[in-house]
């Protein structure tokens, strides 16, 4: 009788563990080939998972695009990565859920294969408890060869990059998702194209000192690790390219400086002494505006010649996304209100 009970108990344990293993097996999906402009308006009812959908940039297939239903879903996939890869004071270490629970990650993300490998290998070596979504991400990246396992089962970089944005951005400002897509898309190109990286570095090294001083203070204000030169150059490029050239003067010469010093008045010292008053009655720094306009023109010319893209447009079609009128109205409302 005792042996019989043990048999049934042992079978139950095997069944239970098998069930857990099956339940925890990350599901793999084939990314949907798409142009970034099409991703912005891809119907939610076509998503294969109500939490997120995964796309493959059609002309740069090594770049995957994640579109998430909410910031909360996006955080479960990428928040810990953001701190490990980019956040000052956290870079290179695995933060616990409790440690970063009340801290802001990013509203959109971008990661190269090398940083993804470093993150997941650190978790493997330290037996760190990752979230289910992070394990799904790891399995997908291994399946897509953005990550690989070497002969010693260590996680090493393959080739490619990932970017992410969220549908929740539309709930606050319909201009955000297109801007995030452009910003993150150019990050993806920076990760996979050496000539582009070299061009970005050349522009950064020649960038006027007053504008560079402001931008480094602005990045520090945003909690980027400004000691990482590669990160700084990558963000410099993406911030310059995320909006059309015509918007650069206002965005960098007025909007962001005023936003920064409203929260941190002491950062006024990072701006040139000479300021003017814009037509909407706000402080305006013409030297900063001029420098960023020139960069916008140079970067836009480069990406147009290379790939047919432009500042403010990270998709091939010159026809804007369907919500472009809303985007333009949002910009003019911000500019003239």
Foldseek 3Di string as FASTA:
>chain_A
DVVVVVVVVVVVVVVVVVVVVVVLPQDEDDAAEDWLQCVLPPDCVPAPDNAWGKHADNVHRQEIEIEGADVVSVCLAPQQLQQCPWFPPRHPDGDDCVVCVPPDRDQKDKDALQSLLSVVLNCVVVVPDGDSNNVNVVVHCCVSQCWHADPVRRIHGGGFMYMYHYPVVCVVAVQPSLLRSQLRLLLRVCRHDPVVLVVLVVLLVVQDPLLNLLLLVLVVLVRTPSVPVSVSSSNLLSVLQSAALVCQQCVFFFVSVVVSCVVVVVSVVSHDPDWDADPLGGTGHRVNSVRSSVVQVVSQVVCCVVPNAGRNGSGNDPDGRPCVVSNVVRVVVVRND
